[in-house]
C-alpha atoms as a PDB file:
ATOM      1  CA  MET A   1       0.000   0.000   0.000  1.00  0.00           C
ATOM      2  CA  SER A   2       1.267   3.446  -0.827  1.00  0.00           C
ATOM      3  CA  THR A   3      -0.358   5.384   2.021  1.00  0.00           C
ATOM      4  CA  ASP A   4       2.407   6.632   4.329  1.00  0.00           C
ATOM      5  CA  ILE A   5       1.641   6.748   8.040  1.00  0.00           C
ATOM      6  CA  THR A   6       5.252   6.808   9.208  1.00  0.00           C
ATOM      7  CA  GLY A   7       5.515   7.871  12.828  1.00  0.00           C
ATOM      8  CA  LYS A   8       1.835   7.223  13.598  1.00  0.00           C
ATOM      9  CA  LYS A   9       0.679   4.873  16.351  1.00  0.00           C
ATOM     10  CA  ILE A  10      -2.491   2.904  15.729  1.00  0.00           C
ATOM     11  CA  ALA A  11      -4.326   1.248  18.623  1.00  0.00           C
ATOM     12  CA  PHE A  12      -5.896  -2.182  18.113  1.00  0.00           C
ATOM     13  CA  VAL A  13      -8.444  -3.307  20.720  1.00  0.00           C
ATOM     14  CA  ALA A  14      -8.926  -7.049  21.116  1.00  0.00           C
ATOM     15  CA  VAL A  15      -9.542  -9.792  23.663  1.00  0.00           C
ATOM     16  CA  ASN A  16      -9.678 -13.582  23.412  1.00  0.00           C
ATOM     17  CA  GLY A  17     -11.874 -14.574  20.490  1.00  0.00           C
ATOM     18  CA  VAL A  18     -10.807 -11.863  18.040  1.00  0.00           C
ATOM     19  CA  GLU A  19     -11.169 -12.955  14.403  1.00  0.00           C
ATOM     20  CA  GLU A  20      -7.540 -13.562  13.429  1.00  0.00           C
ATOM     21  CA  PRO A  21      -7.417 -12.034   9.918  1.00  0.00           C
ATOM     22  CA  GLU A  22      -9.297  -8.952  11.173  1.00  0.00           C
ATOM     23  CA  LEU A  23      -6.433  -8.414  13.615  1.00  0.00           C
ATOM     24  CA  THR A  24      -3.438  -9.553  11.580  1.00  0.00           C
ATOM     25  CA  GLU A  25      -4.193  -8.110   8.140  1.00  0.00           C
ATOM     26  CA  PRO A  26      -4.873  -4.512   9.283  1.00  0.00           C
ATOM     27  CA  TRP A  27      -1.857  -4.873  11.633  1.00  0.00           C
ATOM     28  CA  ARG A  28       0.361  -5.828   8.686  1.00  0.00           C
ATOM     29  CA  ALA A  29      -1.109  -3.007   6.558  1.00  0.00           C
ATOM     30  CA  VAL A  30      -0.272  -0.463   9.292  1.00  0.00           C
ATOM     31  CA  GLN A  31       3.293  -1.800   9.526  1.00  0.00           C
ATOM     32  CA  GLU A  32       3.768  -1.790   5.747  1.00  0.00           C
ATOM     33  CA  ALA A  33       2.568   1.821   5.620  1.00  0.00           C
ATOM     34  CA  GLY A  34       5.198   2.806   8.205  1.00  0.00           C
ATOM     35  CA  GLY A  35       2.941   2.980  11.248  1.00  0.00           C
ATOM     36  CA  THR A  36       3.269   1.330  14.632  1.00  0.00           C
ATOM     37  CA  PRO A  37       0.398  -0.959  15.665  1.00  0.00           C
ATOM     38  CA  VAL A  38      -0.211  -1.360  19.401  1.00  0.00           C
ATOM     39  CA  LEU A  39      -2.358  -4.189  20.804  1.00  0.00           C
ATOM     40  CA  LEU A  40      -4.519  -3.128  23.734  1.00  0.00           C
ATOM     41  CA  SER A  41      -6.448  -5.599  25.862  1.00  0.00           C
ATOM     42  CA  ARG A  42      -7.769  -5.990  29.393  1.00  0.00           C
ATOM     43  CA  GLU A  43      -4.605  -7.530  30.774  1.00  0.00           C
ATOM     44  CA  LYS A  44      -0.983  -7.861  29.820  1.00  0.00           C
ATOM     45  CA  GLY A  45       0.110 -11.236  28.511  1.00  0.00           C
ATOM     46  CA  SER A  46      -1.421 -12.641  25.359  1.00  0.00           C
ATOM     47  CA  ILE A  47      -4.772 -13.144  23.695  1.00  0.00           C
ATOM     48  CA  THR A  48      -5.928 -16.060  21.551  1.00  0.00           C
ATOM     49  CA  ALA A  49      -7.495 -15.370  18.167  1.00  0.00           C
ATOM     50  CA  MET A  50     -10.088 -17.489  16.388  1.00  0.00           C
ATOM     51  CA  GLN A  51     -10.800 -18.487  12.812  1.00  0.00           C
ATOM     52  CA  GLY A  52     -14.479 -18.105  12.007  1.00  0.00           C
ATOM     53  CA  ASP A  53     -15.515 -17.805  15.667  1.00  0.00           C
ATOM     54  CA  TRP A  54     -14.946 -21.523  16.065  1.00  0.00           C
ATOM     55  CA  ASP A  55     -11.372 -22.710  15.629  1.00  0.00           C
ATOM     56  CA  ARG A  56      -8.503 -21.516  17.794  1.00  0.00           C
ATOM     57  CA  ALA A  57      -5.812 -19.664  15.902  1.00  0.00           C
ATOM     58  CA  GLY A  58      -2.667 -17.796  16.938  1.00  0.00           C
ATOM     59  CA  SER A  59      -1.763 -16.091  20.196  1.00  0.00           C
ATOM     60  CA  TYR A  60      -0.719 -12.437  20.240  1.00  0.00           C
ATOM     61  CA  GLU A  61       1.213 -10.477  22.846  1.00  0.00           C
ATOM     62  CA  VAL A  62      -0.580  -7.517  24.406  1.00  0.00           C
ATOM     63  CA  ASP A  63       1.327  -4.207  24.352  1.00  0.00           C
ATOM     64  CA  GLY A  64      -0.778  -2.281  26.872  1.00  0.00           C
ATOM     65  CA  THR A  65      -3.939  -2.376  28.936  1.00  0.00           C
ATOM     66  CA  LEU A  66      -7.203  -0.695  28.082  1.00  0.00           C
ATOM     67  CA  ALA A  67      -7.380   0.887  31.523  1.00  0.00           C
ATOM     68  CA  GLU A  68      -4.124   2.767  30.861  1.00  0.00           C
ATOM     69  CA  ALA A  69      -4.789   3.645  27.204  1.00  0.00           C
ATOM     70  CA  ARG A  70      -5.675   7.200  26.169  1.00  0.00           C
ATOM     71  CA  ALA A  71      -6.680   8.396  22.702  1.00  0.00           C
ATOM     72  CA  GLU A  72      -4.169  11.246  22.949  1.00  0.00           C
ATOM     73  CA  ASP A  73      -1.366   8.649  22.671  1.00  0.00           C
ATOM     74  CA  PHE A  74      -2.578   7.327  19.297  1.00  0.00           C
ATOM     75  CA  ASP A  75      -3.416   8.517  15.786  1.00  0.00           C
ATOM     76  CA  GLY A  76      -6.120   5.978  14.974  1.00  0.00           C
ATOM     77  CA  LEU A  77      -8.104   3.047  16.316  1.00  0.00           C
ATOM     78  CA  VAL A  78      -8.851  -0.376  14.811  1.00  0.00           C
ATOM     79  CA  LEU A  79     -11.683  -2.466  16.230  1.00  0.00           C
ATOM     80  CA  PRO A  80     -11.381  -5.997  14.815  1.00  0.00           C
ATOM     81  CA  GLY A  81     -14.387  -8.261  14.947  1.00  0.00           C
ATOM     82  CA  GLY A  82     -15.046 -11.802  15.860  1.00  0.00           C
ATOM     83  CA  THR A  83     -18.379 -12.414  17.535  1.00  0.00           C
ATOM     84  CA  LEU A  84     -16.828 -13.386  20.880  1.00  0.00           C
ATOM     85  CA  ASN A  85     -14.371 -10.474  20.837  1.00  0.00           C
ATOM     86  CA  ALA A  86     -16.862  -7.775  19.848  1.00  0.00           C
ATOM     87  CA  ASP A  87     -19.567  -8.981  22.218  1.00  0.00           C
ATOM     88  CA  SER A  88     -17.148  -8.982  25.150  1.00  0.00           C
ATOM     89  CA  VAL A  89     -15.444  -5.712  24.238  1.00  0.00           C
ATOM     90  CA  ARG A  90     -18.690  -3.748  23.823  1.00  0.00           C
ATOM     91  CA  ALA A  91     -19.463  -4.264  27.517  1.00  0.00           C
ATOM     92  CA  ASP A  92     -16.052  -3.012  28.676  1.00  0.00           C
ATOM     93  CA  GLN A  93     -16.181   0.492  30.168  1.00  0.00           C
ATOM     94  CA  ASP A  94     -12.505   1.146  29.404  1.00  0.00           C
ATOM     95  CA  VAL A  95     -13.128   0.371  25.727  1.00  0.00           C
ATOM     96  CA  LEU A  96     -16.201   2.593  25.583  1.00  0.00           C
ATOM     97  CA  ARG A  97     -14.271   5.433  27.231  1.00  0.00           C
ATOM     98  CA  LEU A  98     -11.420   5.021  24.749  1.00  0.00           C
ATOM     99  CA  VAL A  99     -13.725   4.918  21.709  1.00  0.00           C
ATOM    100  CA  LYS A 100     -15.501   8.059  22.931  1.00  0.00           C
ATOM    101  CA  GLU A 101     -12.133   9.776  23.432  1.00  0.00           C
ATOM    102  CA  PHE A 102     -11.138   8.971  19.838  1.00  0.00           C
ATOM    103  CA  ASP A 103     -14.459  10.326  18.596  1.00  0.00           C
ATOM    104  CA  ALA A 104     -14.236  13.514  20.683  1.00  0.00           C
ATOM    105  CA  ALA A 105     -10.691  14.110  19.407  1.00  0.00           C
ATOM    106  CA  GLY A 106     -11.788  13.653  15.782  1.00  0.00           C
ATOM    107  CA  LYS A 107      -9.463  10.698  15.313  1.00  0.00           C
ATOM    108  CA  PRO A 108     -10.311   7.885  12.884  1.00  0.00           C
ATOM    109  CA  ILE A 109     -11.957   4.673  14.040  1.00  0.00           C
ATOM    110  CA  ALA A 110     -12.062   1.581  11.809  1.00  0.00           C
ATOM    111  CA  ALA A 111     -14.463  -1.230  12.790  1.00  0.00           C
ATOM    112  CA  ILE A 112     -15.013  -4.475  10.901  1.00  0.00           C
ATOM    113  CA  CYS A 113     -17.497  -7.342  11.002  1.00  0.00           C
ATOM    114  CA  HIS A 114     -19.091  -7.509  14.495  1.00  0.00           C
ATOM    115  CA  ALA A 115     -17.087  -4.561  15.870  1.00  0.00           C
ATOM    116  CA  PRO A 116     -19.775  -1.971  14.975  1.00  0.00           C
ATOM    117  CA  TRP A 117     -21.550  -3.322  18.084  1.00  0.00           C
ATOM    118  CA  ILE A 118     -18.931  -1.302  19.948  1.00  0.00           C
ATOM    119  CA  LEU A 119     -19.909   1.836  18.024  1.00  0.00           C
ATOM    120  CA  ILE A 120     -23.524   1.266  19.085  1.00  0.00           C
ATOM    121  CA  GLU A 121     -22.584   0.917  22.767  1.00  0.00           C
ATOM    122  CA  ALA A 122     -20.411   4.042  22.586  1.00  0.00           C
ATOM    123  CA  GLY A 123     -23.322   6.024  21.123  1.00  0.00           C
ATOM    124  CA  LEU A 124     -21.584   6.640  17.784  1.00  0.00           C
ATOM    125  CA  ALA A 125     -23.962   4.868  15.378  1.00  0.00           C
ATOM    126  CA  ARG A 126     -26.890   7.315  15.316  1.00  0.00           C
ATOM    127  CA  GLY A 127     -27.052   9.277  12.075  1.00  0.00           C
ATOM    128  CA  LYS A 128     -24.042   7.491  10.560  1.00  0.00           C
ATOM    129  CA  ARG A 129     -23.881   5.477   7.350  1.00  0.00           C
ATOM    130  CA  LEU A 130     -22.316   2.149   8.388  1.00  0.00           C
ATOM    131  CA  THR A 131     -21.877  -1.445   7.313  1.00  0.00           C
ATOM    132  CA  SER A 132     -21.152  -4.600   9.294  1.00  0.00           C
ATOM    133  CA  TYR A 133     -21.601  -8.334   9.287  1.00  0.00           C
ATOM    134  CA  SER A 134     -25.181  -8.838   8.062  1.00  0.00           C
ATOM    135  CA  SER A 135     -26.501 -10.110  11.411  1.00  0.00           C
ATOM    136  CA  LEU A 136     -25.840  -6.670  12.944  1.00  0.00           C
ATOM    137  CA  ALA A 137     -27.998  -4.807  10.411  1.00  0.00           C
ATOM    138  CA  THR A 138     -31.056  -4.652  12.675  1.00  0.00           C
ATOM    139  CA  ASP A 139     -28.966  -3.648  15.698  1.00  0.00           C
ATOM    140  CA  LEU A 140     -27.390  -0.783  13.760  1.00  0.00           C
ATOM    141  CA  LYS A 141     -30.712   0.351  12.292  1.00  0.00           C
ATOM    142  CA  ASN A 142     -32.306   0.268  15.760  1.00  0.00           C
ATOM    143  CA  ALA A 143     -29.402   2.406  17.018  1.00  0.00           C
ATOM    144  CA  GLY A 144     -30.216   5.017  14.369  1.00  0.00           C
ATOM    145  CA  ALA A 145     -27.593   4.148  11.753  1.00  0.00           C
ATOM    146  CA  ASP A 146     -28.159   4.002   8.008  1.00  0.00           C
ATOM    147  CA  TRP A 147     -26.967   0.406   7.470  1.00  0.00           C
ATOM    148  CA  VAL A 148     -25.834  -0.556   3.964  1.00  0.00           C
ATOM    149  CA  ASP A 149     -24.492  -3.785   2.509  1.00  0.00           C
ATOM    150  CA  GLU A 150     -21.200  -2.566   0.999  1.00  0.00           C
ATOM    151  CA  GLU A 151     -17.606  -3.800   1.331  1.00  0.00           C
ATOM    152  CA  VAL A 152     -16.433  -0.582   2.985  1.00  0.00           C
ATOM    153  CA  VAL A 153     -18.179   2.572   4.130  1.00  0.00           C
ATOM    154  CA  VAL A 154     -16.537   5.811   5.225  1.00  0.00           C
ATOM    155  CA  ASP A 155     -18.660   8.317   7.144  1.00  0.00           C
ATOM    156  CA  GLY A 156     -16.577  11.164   8.476  1.00  0.00           C
ATOM    157  CA  ARG A 157     -13.742   9.528  10.416  1.00  0.00           C
ATOM    158  CA  LEU A 158     -15.546   6.156  10.781  1.00  0.00           C
ATOM    159  CA  VAL A 159     -14.565   3.272   8.492  1.00  0.00           C
ATOM    160  CA  THR A 160     -16.655   0.082   8.554  1.00  0.00           C
ATOM    161  CA  SER A 161     -16.588  -3.198   6.629  1.00  0.00           C
ATOM    162  CA  ARG A 162     -18.622  -6.411   6.632  1.00  0.00           C
ATOM    163  CA  SER A 163     -16.211  -9.326   6.984  1.00  0.00           C
ATOM    164  CA  PRO A 164     -12.706 -10.683   6.381  1.00  0.00           C
ATOM    165  CA  GLY A 165     -13.569 -10.819   2.671  1.00  0.00           C
ATOM    166  CA  ASP A 166     -13.550  -7.008   2.678  1.00  0.00           C
ATOM    167  CA  LEU A 167     -10.148  -6.555   4.331  1.00  0.00           C
ATOM    168  CA  GLU A 168      -8.394  -5.156   1.257  1.00  0.00           C
ATOM    169  CA  ALA A 169     -10.914  -2.303   0.953  1.00  0.00           C
ATOM    170  CA  PHE A 170     -11.090  -1.881   4.743  1.00  0.00           C
ATOM    171  CA  ASN A 171      -7.312  -1.561   5.054  1.00  0.00           C
ATOM    172  CA  ARG A 172      -7.096   0.882   2.135  1.00  0.00           C
ATOM    173  CA  GLU A 173      -9.729   3.237   3.572  1.00  0.00           C
ATOM    174  CA  ALA A 174      -8.485   2.929   7.172  1.00  0.00           C
ATOM    175  CA  LEU A 175      -4.944   3.837   6.091  1.00  0.00           C
ATOM    176  CA  GLN A 176      -6.244   6.846   4.174  1.00  0.00           C
ATOM    177  CA  GLN A 177      -8.006   8.025   7.328  1.00  0.00           C
ATOM    178  CA  PHE A 178      -4.954   7.382   9.499  1.00  0.00           C
ATOM    179  CA  ALA A 179      -2.798   9.363   7.040  1.00  0.00           C
ATOM    180  CA  GLY A 180      -5.432  12.101   7.150  1.00  0.00           C
END
């Protein structure tokens, strides 16, 4: 990818159950564009990713805790999906605080697959044009979003995509926002 984000730090929020390609492919895209990805989770140590919400995949070392994280220390935020990950993360007050900080600071937020659940919980869906995994369509509509079935949607500083099949478009648009 040709988008240069050299010197920028991008926060990734994930817990056990994150969909592996939704973590690793945007991570690699950030690195290839010159940025520094930082994995934030509830505790230090490692998290275990999943393939398709069912099969265990790789383990990934956590760089920092959500309780200590502040939007002012980062240039962008990636919210990978995975049903288990997104459902757990959306109930975490530290995550919701962090997402709201990014929004208040006008910093880009990229959410894929089930991660738009987090946008709903943080109160960021209302009035936004968003996409997600199809099973979230009703949730997003009920939260006041204009849900569409497209590979990637950019509304202001929010980037959303439907699934791992959309990662190329998701990464491209997220990097453009991070370069912003």
